Amino acid sequence: MSYISVENISKEFKIYHREKGFANIVKSMFARKYSIKKAVENINFSIDKGELVGYVGPNGAGKSTTIKMLSGILIPTSGKITVDGRIPYENRQENAMHIGVVFGQRSQLFWDLPVEDTFDLYRKMYLVDKTKFKRNLEFYTDLLEMKDFIKMPVRQLSLGQKMRANIAIALLHDPEIVYLDEPTIGLDVLAKENIRKFIQEVNKEKKTTVILTTHDMDDIEQICNRLIMIDKGQIIYDGKISDFKKRAEGENVLIVEYGDTDPVDFILTDTRIKLLQEEGKRKWFKYCKTEINTAEVISFVTKDRQVQDILLKEPEIEDIVKKMYRAQQVEVVS
């Protein structure tokens, strides 16, 4: 049995209409007009304990709705969800004791209190044993490098420090599952890298199951080993990151900077290689790995020529995501 199971889940919302005019306002007191918005429609997936899963989609795709149903905040219109054998929306309090949640734009910290005081409040809220709390506090203080600011009031912290503290709060009670919503939003490159390493370390040390929603595809590629993509309330991909990247193998690009003082332009005789762009001595070549391997491409474009530099650019996951979304939109229109 899967640790997290989502079976044929749908969630609909009633969108009530406001009409102008006194007469319409009176009518709405007795019979309000509304339309149905399908936020999630018949989605299915299962997640094993300890998995690192990226859950992505454009704004309005249904990501947040799914997370809220998994955490017990929302009740599905139809279908069934179980998290470690529990139905989240029927056992909200028990479910809450086993999960941690981080929303990138919403802080769980108290503005005027020192960080360590907020941690102590959450210890009491989750009924965490003092010995266990002390051990976890030391572990996360060290791993997240919070020693320099743990005694400071929250109002004096930088955005990166607040995010680290919020992540620590979500993990102090040793939750089996953590839902992370945009955990690196607004952070600089170094802070993002530290958060990513931390998530991987916690998963490794404590076998914590992580579901990550983000618009930063670098987060997904560096943290997760599985990707679930949702669009218009339906899952359009569920599988390994490596398999997902293979979908764009035709977009491998080799950038060659020739060293000739007066490089001679040439016409490619191998139709498997396409000249994409030229800029002085630099040329961009596009090829598909399923048709020709990289070694053959390099051999062909460098034969009998002086080469100063070579750069291989493999497809980025964000480009593949955009391509899939565009394909979905074209499919819907047609």
C-alpha atoms as a PDB file:
ATOM      1  CA  MET A   1       0.000   0.000   0.000  1.00  0.00           C
ATOM      2  CA  SER A   2       1.308   3.444  -0.959  1.00  0.00           C
ATOM      3  CA  TYR A   3       2.211   5.915   1.765  1.00  0.00           C
ATOM      4  CA  ILE A   4       0.157   8.644   0.058  1.00  0.00           C
ATOM      5  CA  SER A   5      -2.706   7.585  -2.200  1.00  0.00           C
ATOM      6  CA  VAL A   6      -4.852   9.895  -4.332  1.00  0.00           C
ATOM      7  CA  GLU A   7      -7.691   8.125  -6.169  1.00  0.00           C
ATOM      8  CA  ASN A   8      -9.961   9.868  -8.704  1.00  0.00           C
ATOM      9  CA  ILE A   9      -9.901  13.122  -6.757  1.00  0.00           C
ATOM     10  CA  SER A  10     -11.961  16.065  -7.993  1.00  0.00           C
ATOM     11  CA  LYS A  11     -12.581  19.418  -6.362  1.00  0.00           C
ATOM     12  CA  GLU A  12     -15.221  21.897  -7.493  1.00  0.00           C
ATOM     13  CA  PHE A  13     -15.913  25.395  -6.239  1.00  0.00           C
ATOM     14  CA  LYS A  14     -19.068  27.433  -6.575  1.00  0.00           C
ATOM     15  CA  ILE A  15     -18.381  30.884  -8.008  1.00  0.00           C
ATOM     16  CA  TYR A  16     -21.281  33.153  -7.058  1.00  0.00           C
ATOM     17  CA  HIS A  17     -22.199  35.965  -9.438  1.00  0.00           C
ATOM     18  CA  ARG A  18     -22.844  39.523  -8.327  1.00  0.00           C
ATOM     19  CA  GLU A  19     -25.331  41.373 -10.496  1.00  0.00           C
ATOM     20  CA  LYS A  20     -25.900  45.102 -10.520  1.00  0.00           C
ATOM     21  CA  GLY A  21     -29.178  46.725  -9.610  1.00  0.00           C
ATOM     22  CA  PHE A  22     -31.372  46.739  -6.506  1.00  0.00           C
ATOM     23  CA  ALA A  23     -33.848  44.211  -7.931  1.00  0.00           C
ATOM     24  CA  ASN A  24     -31.080  41.693  -8.664  1.00  0.00           C
ATOM     25  CA  ILE A  25     -29.633  42.165  -5.189  1.00  0.00           C
ATOM     26  CA  VAL A  26     -33.026  41.318  -3.674  1.00  0.00           C
ATOM     27  CA  LYS A  27     -33.384  38.264  -5.943  1.00  0.00           C
ATOM     28  CA  SER A  28     -29.947  37.016  -4.907  1.00  0.00           C
ATOM     29  CA  MET A  29     -31.116  36.895  -1.283  1.00  0.00           C
ATOM     30  CA  PHE A  30     -33.408  34.016  -2.253  1.00  0.00           C
ATOM     31  CA  ALA A  31     -31.706  32.386  -5.236  1.00  0.00           C
ATOM     32  CA  ARG A  32     -28.102  33.236  -5.990  1.00  0.00           C
ATOM     33  CA  LYS A  33     -26.700  32.478  -9.428  1.00  0.00           C
ATOM     34  CA  TYR A  34     -23.394  30.656  -9.583  1.00  0.00           C
ATOM     35  CA  SER A  35     -21.107  28.722 -11.899  1.00  0.00           C
ATOM     36  CA  ILE A  36     -18.974  25.667 -11.145  1.00  0.00           C
ATOM     37  CA  LYS A  37     -15.179  25.912 -11.289  1.00  0.00           C
ATOM     38  CA  LYS A  38     -13.335  22.588 -11.524  1.00  0.00           C
ATOM     39  CA  ALA A  39     -10.019  23.130  -9.774  1.00  0.00           C
ATOM     40  CA  VAL A  40      -8.973  19.465  -9.869  1.00  0.00           C
ATOM     41  CA  GLU A  41     -10.510  16.775 -12.046  1.00  0.00           C
ATOM     42  CA  ASN A  42     -10.099  13.015 -11.542  1.00  0.00           C
ATOM     43  CA  ILE A  43      -6.407  12.990 -10.614  1.00  0.00           C
ATOM     44  CA  ASN A  44      -4.611   9.849  -9.482  1.00  0.00           C
ATOM     45  CA  PHE A  45      -1.140   9.316  -8.048  1.00  0.00           C
ATOM     46  CA  SER A  46       0.616   7.475  -5.236  1.00  0.00           C
ATOM     47  CA  ILE A  47       3.781   8.381  -3.357  1.00  0.00           C
ATOM     48  CA  ASP A  48       6.040   6.045  -1.375  1.00  0.00           C
ATOM     49  CA  LYS A  49       7.576   6.910   1.976  1.00  0.00           C
ATOM     50  CA  GLY A  50      10.769   8.920   1.635  1.00  0.00           C
ATOM     51  CA  GLU A  51      10.184  10.137  -1.925  1.00  0.00           C
ATOM     52  CA  LEU A  52      11.190  13.608  -3.085  1.00  0.00           C
ATOM     53  CA  VAL A  53       8.427  14.700  -5.452  1.00  0.00           C
ATOM     54  CA  GLY A  54       8.094  17.909  -7.453  1.00  0.00           C
ATOM     55  CA  TYR A  55       4.476  18.950  -8.053  1.00  0.00           C
ATOM     56  CA  VAL A  56       4.397  21.641 -10.730  1.00  0.00           C
ATOM     57  CA  GLY A  57       1.982  23.523 -12.919  1.00  0.00           C
ATOM     58  CA  PRO A  58       1.060  27.045 -14.056  1.00  0.00           C
ATOM     59  CA  ASN A  59      -0.947  29.403 -11.856  1.00  0.00           C
ATOM     60  CA  GLY A  60      -4.484  28.079 -11.442  1.00  0.00           C
ATOM     61  CA  ALA A  61      -3.519  24.529 -12.457  1.00  0.00           C
ATOM     62  CA  GLY A  62      -4.696  22.975  -9.169  1.00  0.00           C
ATOM     63  CA  LYS A  63      -1.417  22.592  -7.241  1.00  0.00           C
ATOM     64  CA  SER A  64      -2.447  24.469  -4.096  1.00  0.00           C
ATOM     65  CA  THR A  65      -5.895  22.853  -4.113  1.00  0.00           C
ATOM     66  CA  THR A  66      -4.275  19.410  -4.149  1.00  0.00           C
ATOM     67  CA  ILE A  67      -1.909  20.274  -1.293  1.00  0.00           C
ATOM     68  CA  LYS A  68      -4.782  21.664   0.773  1.00  0.00           C
ATOM     69  CA  MET A  69      -6.719  18.420   0.304  1.00  0.00           C
ATOM     70  CA  LEU A  70      -3.651  16.353   1.244  1.00  0.00           C
ATOM     71  CA  SER A  71      -3.162  18.433   4.391  1.00  0.00           C
ATOM     72  CA  GLY A  72      -6.852  18.193   5.341  1.00  0.00           C
ATOM     73  CA  ILE A  73      -7.753  21.860   4.831  1.00  0.00           C
ATOM     74  CA  LEU A  74     -10.119  21.128   1.930  1.00  0.00           C
ATOM     75  CA  ILE A  75     -12.572  18.261   1.409  1.00  0.00           C
ATOM     76  CA  PRO A  76     -12.636  16.681  -2.081  1.00  0.00           C
ATOM     77  CA  THR A  77     -15.867  16.869  -4.058  1.00  0.00           C
ATOM     78  CA  SER A  78     -15.315  13.231  -5.038  1.00  0.00           C
ATOM     79  CA  GLY A  79     -12.634  10.558  -4.779  1.00  0.00           C
ATOM     80  CA  LYS A  80     -10.474   9.356  -1.913  1.00  0.00           C
ATOM     81  CA  ILE A  81      -7.204  10.441  -0.279  1.00  0.00           C
ATOM     82  CA  THR A  82      -5.238   8.494   2.320  1.00  0.00           C
ATOM     83  CA  VAL A  83      -2.002   9.666   3.958  1.00  0.00           C
ATOM     84  CA  ASP A  84      -0.283   6.897   5.946  1.00  0.00           C
ATOM     85  CA  GLY A  85      -3.681   5.207   6.280  1.00  0.00           C
ATOM     86  CA  ARG A  86      -5.434   8.376   7.462  1.00  0.00           C
ATOM     87  CA  ILE A  87      -8.080  10.343   5.576  1.00  0.00           C
ATOM     88  CA  PRO A  88      -6.742  13.904   6.092  1.00  0.00           C
ATOM     89  CA  TYR A  89     -10.046  15.811   6.080  1.00  0.00           C
ATOM     90  CA  GLU A  90     -11.686  13.312   8.463  1.00  0.00           C
ATOM     91  CA  ASN A  91      -8.757  13.169  10.892  1.00  0.00           C
ATOM     92  CA  ARG A  92      -7.450  16.737  10.665  1.00  0.00           C
ATOM     93  CA  GLN A  93      -5.886  17.025  14.110  1.00  0.00           C
ATOM     94  CA  GLU A  94      -4.146  13.652  13.953  1.00  0.00           C
ATOM     95  CA  ASN A  95      -3.029  14.312  10.386  1.00  0.00           C
ATOM     96  CA  ALA A  96      -1.623  17.720  11.369  1.00  0.00           C
ATOM     97  CA  MET A  97       0.614  16.095  13.983  1.00  0.00           C
ATOM     98  CA  HIS A  98       2.333  14.058  11.268  1.00  0.00           C
ATOM     99  CA  ILE A  99       2.890  16.726   8.624  1.00  0.00           C
ATOM    100  CA  GLY A 100       4.870  19.931   8.224  1.00  0.00           C
ATOM    101  CA  VAL A 101       3.893  22.761   5.888  1.00  0.00           C
ATOM    102  CA  VAL A 102       5.908  25.718   4.597  1.00  0.00           C
ATOM    103  CA  PHE A 103       4.334  28.454   2.484  1.00  0.00           C
ATOM    104  CA  GLY A 104       7.004  30.643   0.913  1.00  0.00           C
ATOM    105  CA  GLN A 105       5.031  33.870   1.278  1.00  0.00           C
ATOM    106  CA  ARG A 106       3.429  33.172   4.660  1.00  0.00           C
ATOM    107  CA  SER A 107       5.469  33.204   7.827  1.00  0.00           C
ATOM    108  CA  GLN A 108       4.754  31.112  10.928  1.00  0.00           C
ATOM    109  CA  LEU A 109       7.051  33.319  12.997  1.00  0.00           C
ATOM    110  CA  PHE A 110       5.921  35.870  15.581  1.00  0.00           C
ATOM    111  CA  TRP A 111       7.124  39.339  14.572  1.00  0.00           C
ATOM    112  CA  ASP A 112       8.352  40.630  17.942  1.00  0.00           C
ATOM    113  CA  LEU A 113       9.562  37.370  19.487  1.00  0.00           C
ATOM    114  CA  PRO A 114      13.066  35.927  19.208  1.00  0.00           C
ATOM    115  CA  VAL A 115      13.187  32.910  16.896  1.00  0.00           C
ATOM    116  CA  GLU A 116      13.950  30.483  19.728  1.00  0.00           C
ATOM    117  CA  ASP A 117      10.798  31.606  21.622  1.00  0.00           C
ATOM    118  CA  THR A 118       8.661  30.853  18.580  1.00  0.00           C
ATOM    119  CA  PHE A 119      10.272  27.418  18.383  1.00  0.00           C
ATOM    120  CA  ASP A 120       9.364  26.774  22.019  1.00  0.00           C
ATOM    121  CA  LEU A 121       5.737  27.751  21.380  1.00  0.00           C
ATOM    122  CA  TYR A 122       5.550  25.214  18.550  1.00  0.00           C
ATOM    123  CA  ARG A 123       7.120  22.577  20.805  1.00  0.00           C
ATOM    124  CA  LYS A 124       4.223  22.994  23.210  1.00  0.00           C
ATOM    125  CA  MET A 125       1.667  23.104  20.397  1.00  0.00           C
ATOM    126  CA  TYR A 126       2.879  19.782  18.968  1.00  0.00           C
ATOM    127  CA  LEU A 127       3.530  18.228  22.397  1.00  0.00           C
ATOM    128  CA  VAL A 128       7.146  17.500  21.515  1.00  0.00           C
ATOM    129  CA  ASP A 129       9.206  15.814  24.227  1.00  0.00           C
ATOM    130  CA  LYS A 130      11.888  18.177  25.611  1.00  0.00           C
ATOM    131  CA  THR A 131      14.723  15.757  24.902  1.00  0.00           C
ATOM    132  CA  LYS A 132      13.568  15.209  21.333  1.00  0.00           C
ATOM    133  CA  PHE A 133      13.016  18.954  20.864  1.00  0.00           C
ATOM    134  CA  LYS A 134      16.518  19.805  22.100  1.00  0.00           C
ATOM    135  CA  ARG A 135      18.059  17.210  19.795  1.00  0.00           C
ATOM    136  CA  ASN A 136      16.112  18.453  16.770  1.00  0.00           C
ATOM    137  CA  LEU A 137      16.776  22.110  17.598  1.00  0.00           C
ATOM    138  CA  GLU A 138      20.520  21.498  17.724  1.00  0.00           C
ATOM    139  CA  PHE A 139      20.357  19.469  14.496  1.00  0.00           C
ATOM    140  CA  TYR A 140      18.449  22.113  12.504  1.00  0.00           C
ATOM    141  CA  THR A 141      20.298  25.063  14.038  1.00  0.00           C
ATOM    142  CA  ASP A 142      23.545  23.538  12.819  1.00  0.00           C
ATOM    143  CA  LEU A 143      22.231  22.345   9.435  1.00  0.00           C
ATOM    144  CA  LEU A 144      20.472  25.628   8.635  1.00  0.00           C
ATOM    145  CA  GLU A 145      23.205  27.790  10.180  1.00  0.00           C
ATOM    146  CA  MET A 146      20.791  29.630  12.502  1.00  0.00           C
ATOM    147  CA  LYS A 147      23.124  30.086  15.464  1.00  0.00           C
ATOM    148  CA  ASP A 148      23.857  33.732  14.643  1.00  0.00           C
ATOM    149  CA  PHE A 149      20.203  34.821  14.591  1.00  0.00           C
ATOM    150  CA  ILE A 150      18.223  32.352  16.714  1.00  0.00           C
ATOM    151  CA  LYS A 151      18.053  34.827  19.625  1.00  0.00           C
ATOM    152  CA  MET A 152      17.128  37.794  17.436  1.00  0.00           C
ATOM    153  CA  PRO A 153      13.553  39.159  17.074  1.00  0.00           C
ATOM    154  CA  VAL A 154      11.955  38.061  13.808  1.00  0.00           C
ATOM    155  CA  ARG A 155      11.528  41.679  12.641  1.00  0.00           C
ATOM    156  CA  GLN A 156      15.324  41.995  12.412  1.00  0.00           C
ATOM    157  CA  LEU A 157      15.834  38.959  10.185  1.00  0.00           C
ATOM    158  CA  SER A 158      16.532  38.923   6.464  1.00  0.00           C
ATOM    159  CA  LEU A 159      14.204  37.079   4.078  1.00  0.00           C
ATOM    160  CA  GLY A 160      16.613  34.154   3.847  1.00  0.00           C
ATOM    161  CA  GLN A 161      16.895  33.880   7.644  1.00  0.00           C
ATOM    162  CA  LYS A 162      13.107  33.921   8.029  1.00  0.00           C
ATOM    163  CA  MET A 163      12.745  31.173   5.437  1.00  0.00           C
ATOM    164  CA  ARG A 164      15.301  28.990   7.220  1.00  0.00           C
ATOM    165  CA  ALA A 165      13.474  29.504  10.517  1.00  0.00           C
ATOM    166  CA  ASN A 166      10.101  28.679   8.933  1.00  0.00           C
ATOM    167  CA  ILE A 167      11.478  25.446   7.507  1.00  0.00           C
ATOM    168  CA  ALA A 168      12.912  24.527  10.914  1.00  0.00           C
ATOM    169  CA  ILE A 169       9.509  25.118  12.568  1.00  0.00           C
ATOM    170  CA  ALA A 170       7.851  22.764  10.091  1.00  0.00           C
ATOM    171  CA  LEU A 171      10.342  20.011  10.964  1.00  0.00           C
ATOM    172  CA  LEU A 172      10.879  20.334  14.735  1.00  0.00           C
ATOM    173  CA  HIS A 173       8.178  17.752  15.567  1.00  0.00           C
ATOM    174  CA  ASP A 174       9.677  15.164  13.165  1.00  0.00           C
ATOM    175  CA  PRO A 175       6.839  15.060  10.620  1.00  0.00           C
ATOM    176  CA  GLU A 176       6.781  12.096   8.250  1.00  0.00           C
ATOM    177  CA  ILE A 177       5.653  14.348   5.386  1.00  0.00           C
ATOM    178  CA  VAL A 178       6.571  17.942   4.513  1.00  0.00           C
ATOM    179  CA  TYR A 179       4.685  20.060   1.983  1.00  0.00           C
ATOM    180  CA  LEU A 180       6.884  22.877   0.689  1.00  0.00           C
ATOM    181  CA  ASP A 181       5.220  25.645  -1.300  1.00  0.00           C
ATOM    182  CA  GLU A 182       7.807  27.925  -3.001  1.00  0.00           C
ATOM    183  CA  PRO A 183      10.436  27.500  -0.229  1.00  0.00           C
ATOM    184  CA  THR A 184      13.108  29.465  -2.131  1.00  0.00           C
ATOM    185  CA  ILE A 185      10.968  32.325  -3.457  1.00  0.00           C
ATOM    186  CA  GLY A 186      12.730  35.693  -3.229  1.00  0.00           C
ATOM    187  CA  LEU A 187      16.032  34.215  -2.044  1.00  0.00           C
ATOM    188  CA  ASP A 188      19.450  34.892  -3.536  1.00  0.00           C
ATOM    189  CA  VAL A 189      21.446  32.174  -5.301  1.00  0.00           C
ATOM    190  CA  LEU A 190      23.500  31.184  -2.235  1.00  0.00           C
ATOM    191  CA  ALA A 191      20.446  31.019   0.066  1.00  0.00           C
ATOM    192  CA  LYS A 192      18.593  28.872  -2.482  1.00  0.00           C
ATOM    193  CA  GLU A 193      21.494  26.470  -2.707  1.00  0.00           C
ATOM    194  CA  ASN A 194      21.626  26.125   1.102  1.00  0.00           C
ATOM    195  CA  ILE A 195      17.886  25.399   1.305  1.00  0.00           C
ATOM    196  CA  ARG A 196      18.125  22.786  -1.445  1.00  0.00           C
ATOM    197  CA  LYS A 197      21.018  20.996   0.266  1.00  0.00           C
ATOM    198  CA  PHE A 198      19.139  21.117   3.563  1.00  0.00           C
ATOM    199  CA  ILE A 199      16.005  19.481   2.104  1.00  0.00           C
ATOM    200  CA  GLN A 200      18.092  16.685   0.608  1.00  0.00           C
ATOM    201  CA  GLU A 201      19.957  16.190   3.892  1.00  0.00           C
ATOM    202  CA  VAL A 202      16.743  15.936   5.934  1.00  0.00           C
ATOM    203  CA  ASN A 203      15.317  13.440   3.454  1.00  0.00           C
ATOM    204  CA  LYS A 204      18.497  11.382   3.711  1.00  0.00           C
ATOM    205  CA  GLU A 205      18.832  11.510   7.509  1.00  0.00           C
ATOM    206  CA  LYS A 206      15.184  11.216   8.563  1.00  0.00           C
ATOM    207  CA  LYS A 207      13.555   9.591   5.478  1.00  0.00           C
ATOM    208  CA  THR A 208      11.086  12.488   5.375  1.00  0.00           C
ATOM    209  CA  THR A 209       8.692  12.434   2.431  1.00  0.00           C
ATOM    210  CA  VAL A 210       8.796  15.786   0.609  1.00  0.00           C
ATOM    211  CA  ILE A 211       6.276  17.230  -1.839  1.00  0.00           C
ATOM    212  CA  LEU A 212       7.608  20.414  -3.386  1.00  0.00           C
ATOM    213  CA  THR A 213       5.573  22.933  -5.372  1.00  0.00           C
ATOM    214  CA  THR A 214       7.538  25.688  -7.053  1.00  0.00           C
ATOM    215  CA  HIS A 215       7.925  27.793 -10.188  1.00  0.00           C
ATOM    216  CA  ASP A 216      11.715  27.568  -9.900  1.00  0.00           C
ATOM    217  CA  MET A 217      12.540  24.549 -12.040  1.00  0.00           C
ATOM    218  CA  ASP A 218      16.111  24.509 -10.668  1.00  0.00           C
ATOM    219  CA  ASP A 219      14.559  23.543  -7.315  1.00  0.00           C
ATOM    220  CA  ILE A 220      12.830  20.580  -8.943  1.00  0.00           C
ATOM    221  CA  GLU A 221      15.867  19.439 -10.907  1.00  0.00           C
ATOM    222  CA  GLN A 222      18.292  19.676  -7.984  1.00  0.00           C
ATOM    223  CA  ILE A 223      16.043  18.350  -5.197  1.00  0.00           C
ATOM    224  CA  CYS A 224      13.545  15.886  -6.649  1.00  0.00           C
ATOM    225  CA  ASN A 225      13.835  12.525  -8.368  1.00  0.00           C
ATOM    226  CA  ARG A 226      10.207  12.452  -9.516  1.00  0.00           C
ATOM    227  CA  LEU A 227       7.991  15.007 -11.222  1.00  0.00           C
ATOM    228  CA  ILE A 228       4.202  15.293 -11.279  1.00  0.00           C
ATOM    229  CA  MET A 229       2.926  17.953 -13.661  1.00  0.00           C
ATOM    230  CA  ILE A 230      -0.637  19.257 -13.533  1.00  0.00           C
ATOM    231  CA  ASP A 231      -2.441  21.586 -15.912  1.00  0.00           C
ATOM    232  CA  LYS A 232      -6.098  22.663 -15.943  1.00  0.00           C
ATOM    233  CA  GLY A 233      -6.781  20.348 -13.013  1.00  0.00           C
ATOM    234  CA  GLN A 234      -5.436  17.220 -14.697  1.00  0.00           C
ATOM    235  CA  ILE A 235      -2.120  15.382 -14.497  1.00  0.00           C
ATOM    236  CA  ILE A 236      -0.195  15.532 -17.777  1.00  0.00           C
ATOM    237  CA  TYR A 237       3.024  13.867 -16.582  1.00  0.00           C
ATOM    238  CA  ASP A 238       4.053  11.624 -13.687  1.00  0.00           C
ATOM    239  CA  GLY A 239       7.459  10.007 -13.731  1.00  0.00           C
ATOM    240  CA  LYS A 240      11.212  10.304 -13.255  1.00  0.00           C
ATOM    241  CA  ILE A 241      13.003  13.593 -13.895  1.00  0.00           C
ATOM    242  CA  SER A 242      15.481  11.747 -16.122  1.00  0.00           C
ATOM    243  CA  ASP A 243      12.688  10.295 -18.279  1.00  0.00           C
ATOM    244  CA  PHE A 244      11.046  13.705 -18.490  1.00  0.00           C
ATOM    245  CA  LYS A 245      14.219  15.291 -19.844  1.00  0.00           C
ATOM    246  CA  LYS A 246      14.463  12.654 -22.564  1.00  0.00           C
ATOM    247  CA  ARG A 247      11.329  14.144 -24.108  1.00  0.00           C
ATOM    248  CA  ALA A 248      13.443  17.017 -25.414  1.00  0.00           C
ATOM    249  CA  GLU A 249      16.459  15.130 -26.700  1.00  0.00           C
ATOM    250  CA  GLY A 250      16.033  16.879 -30.046  1.00  0.00           C
ATOM    251  CA  GLU A 251      17.004  20.143 -28.382  1.00  0.00           C
ATOM    252  CA  ASN A 252      20.636  19.352 -27.585  1.00  0.00           C
ATOM    253  CA  VAL A 253      22.827  22.221 -28.694  1.00  0.00           C
ATOM    254  CA  LEU A 254      26.575  22.227 -29.278  1.00  0.00           C
ATOM    255  CA  ILE A 255      28.259  25.644 -29.237  1.00  0.00           C
ATOM    256  CA  VAL A 256      31.624  25.798 -31.007  1.00  0.00           C
ATOM    257  CA  GLU A 257      33.993  28.753 -31.080  1.00  0.00           C
ATOM    258  CA  TYR A 258      36.453  28.367 -33.909  1.00  0.00           C
ATOM    259  CA  GLY A 259      40.018  29.637 -33.640  1.00  0.00           C
ATOM    260  CA  ASP A 260      40.567  30.410 -37.310  1.00  0.00           C
ATOM    261  CA  THR A 261      41.450  34.034 -38.019  1.00  0.00           C
ATOM    262  CA  ASP A 262      39.046  33.937 -40.957  1.00  0.00           C
ATOM    263  CA  PRO A 263      36.732  30.940 -40.422  1.00  0.00           C
ATOM    264  CA  VAL A 264      35.266  29.558 -43.631  1.00  0.00           C
ATOM    265  CA  ASP A 265      31.487  29.163 -43.587  1.00  0.00           C
ATOM    266  CA  PHE A 266      30.440  25.657 -44.447  1.00  0.00           C
ATOM    267  CA  ILE A 267      27.227  23.908 -45.405  1.00  0.00           C
ATOM    268  CA  LEU A 268      26.419  20.880 -43.277  1.00  0.00           C
ATOM    269  CA  THR A 269      26.172  17.752 -45.389  1.00  0.00           C
ATOM    270  CA  ASP A 270      24.850  15.660 -42.509  1.00  0.00           C
ATOM    271  CA  THR A 271      21.103  16.374 -42.267  1.00  0.00           C
ATOM    272  CA  ARG A 272      21.064  15.137 -38.659  1.00  0.00           C
ATOM    273  CA  ILE A 273      22.902  18.321 -37.636  1.00  0.00           C
ATOM    274  CA  LYS A 274      21.358  21.770 -38.059  1.00  0.00           C
ATOM    275  CA  LEU A 275      23.143  25.116 -37.924  1.00  0.00           C
ATOM    276  CA  LEU A 276      20.984  27.225 -35.600  1.00  0.00           C
ATOM    277  CA  GLN A 277      22.940  30.447 -35.260  1.00  0.00           C
ATOM    278  CA  GLU A 278      26.203  32.173 -36.192  1.00  0.00           C
ATOM    279  CA  GLU A 279      27.986  34.989 -34.384  1.00  0.00           C
ATOM    280  CA  GLY A 280      31.481  35.725 -35.617  1.00  0.00           C
ATOM    281  CA  LYS A 281      33.636  32.700 -34.938  1.00  0.00           C
ATOM    282  CA  ARG A 282      30.943  31.079 -32.792  1.00  0.00           C
ATOM    283  CA  LYS A 283      28.322  28.674 -34.174  1.00  0.00           C
ATOM    284  CA  TRP A 284      25.357  26.890 -32.593  1.00  0.00           C
ATOM    285  CA  PHE A 285      24.491  23.361 -33.797  1.00  0.00           C
ATOM    286  CA  LYS A 286      21.281  21.493 -32.963  1.00  0.00           C
ATOM    287  CA  TYR A 287      20.961  17.710 -33.059  1.00  0.00           C
ATOM    288  CA  CYS A 288      18.942  14.796 -31.686  1.00  0.00           C
ATOM    289  CA  LYS A 289      20.711  12.181 -29.561  1.00  0.00           C
ATOM    290  CA  THR A 290      18.405   9.444 -30.839  1.00  0.00           C
ATOM    291  CA  GLU A 291      19.715  10.097 -34.369  1.00  0.00           C
ATOM    292  CA  ILE A 292      23.373  10.922 -33.752  1.00  0.00           C
ATOM    293  CA  ASN A 293      25.518  10.884 -30.628  1.00  0.00           C
ATOM    294  CA  THR A 294      27.433  13.866 -29.288  1.00  0.00           C
ATOM    295  CA  ALA A 295      30.865  12.423 -30.148  1.00  0.00           C
ATOM    296  CA  GLU A 296      29.899  12.134 -33.825  1.00  0.00           C
ATOM    297  CA  VAL A 297      28.615  15.718 -33.874  1.00  0.00           C
ATOM    298  CA  ILE A 298      31.818  17.059 -32.323  1.00  0.00           C
ATOM    299  CA  SER A 299      33.930  15.042 -34.762  1.00  0.00           C
ATOM    300  CA  PHE A 300      31.979  16.359 -37.760  1.00  0.00           C
ATOM    301  CA  VAL A 301      31.914  20.078 -36.883  1.00  0.00           C
ATOM    302  CA  THR A 302      35.556  20.210 -35.737  1.00  0.00           C
ATOM    303  CA  LYS A 303      37.202  18.142 -38.491  1.00  0.00           C
ATOM    304  CA  ASP A 304      40.086  20.007 -40.140  1.00  0.00           C
ATOM    305  CA  ARG A 305      39.259  23.197 -38.209  1.00  0.00           C
ATOM    306  CA  GLN A 306      40.945  25.059 -35.389  1.00  0.00           C
ATOM    307  CA  VAL A 307      38.718  25.048 -32.290  1.00  0.00           C
ATOM    308  CA  GLN A 308      39.078  27.456 -29.398  1.00  0.00           C
ATOM    309  CA  ASP A 309      36.170  26.357 -27.206  1.00  0.00           C
ATOM    310  CA  ILE A 310      33.277  23.857 -27.127  1.00  0.00           C
ATOM    311  CA  LEU A 311      30.185  24.004 -24.924  1.00  0.00           C
ATOM    312  CA  LEU A 312      27.427  21.380 -24.760  1.00  0.00           C
ATOM    313  CA  LYS A 313      24.011  22.730 -23.768  1.00  0.00           C
ATOM    314  CA  GLU A 314      21.541  20.009 -22.797  1.00  0.00           C
ATOM    315  CA  PRO A 315      17.800  20.710 -22.569  1.00  0.00           C
ATOM    316  CA  GLU A 316      16.739  22.478 -19.370  1.00  0.00           C
ATOM    317  CA  ILE A 317      13.739  21.155 -17.536  1.00  0.00           C
ATOM    318  CA  GLU A 318      12.037  24.559 -17.591  1.00  0.00           C
ATOM    319  CA  ASP A 319      12.150  24.627 -21.397  1.00  0.00           C
ATOM    320  CA  ILE A 320      10.574  21.163 -21.555  1.00  0.00           C
ATOM    321  CA  VAL A 321       7.809  22.244 -19.173  1.00  0.00           C
ATOM    322  CA  LYS A 322       7.010  25.291 -21.312  1.00  0.00           C
ATOM    323  CA  LYS A 323       6.963  23.114 -24.422  1.00  0.00           C
ATOM    324  CA  MET A 324       4.496  20.696 -22.823  1.00  0.00           C
ATOM    325  CA  TYR A 325       2.213  23.506 -21.673  1.00  0.00           C
ATOM    326  CA  ARG A 326       2.165  24.974 -25.174  1.00  0.00           C
ATOM    327  CA  ALA A 327       1.331  21.553 -26.596  1.00  0.00           C
ATOM    328  CA  GLN A 328      -1.549  21.207 -24.119  1.00  0.00           C
ATOM    329  CA  GLN A 329      -2.945  24.610 -25.103  1.00  0.00           C
ATOM    330  CA  VAL A 330      -2.797  23.761 -28.823  1.00  0.00           C
ATOM    331  CA  GLU A 331      -4.524  20.426 -28.143  1.00  0.00           C
ATOM    332  CA  VAL A 332      -7.347  22.130 -26.234  1.00  0.00           C
ATOM    333  CA  VAL A 333      -7.875  24.740 -28.999  1.00  0.00           C
ATOM    334  CA  SER A 334      -7.918  22.164 -31.793  1.00  0.00           C
END
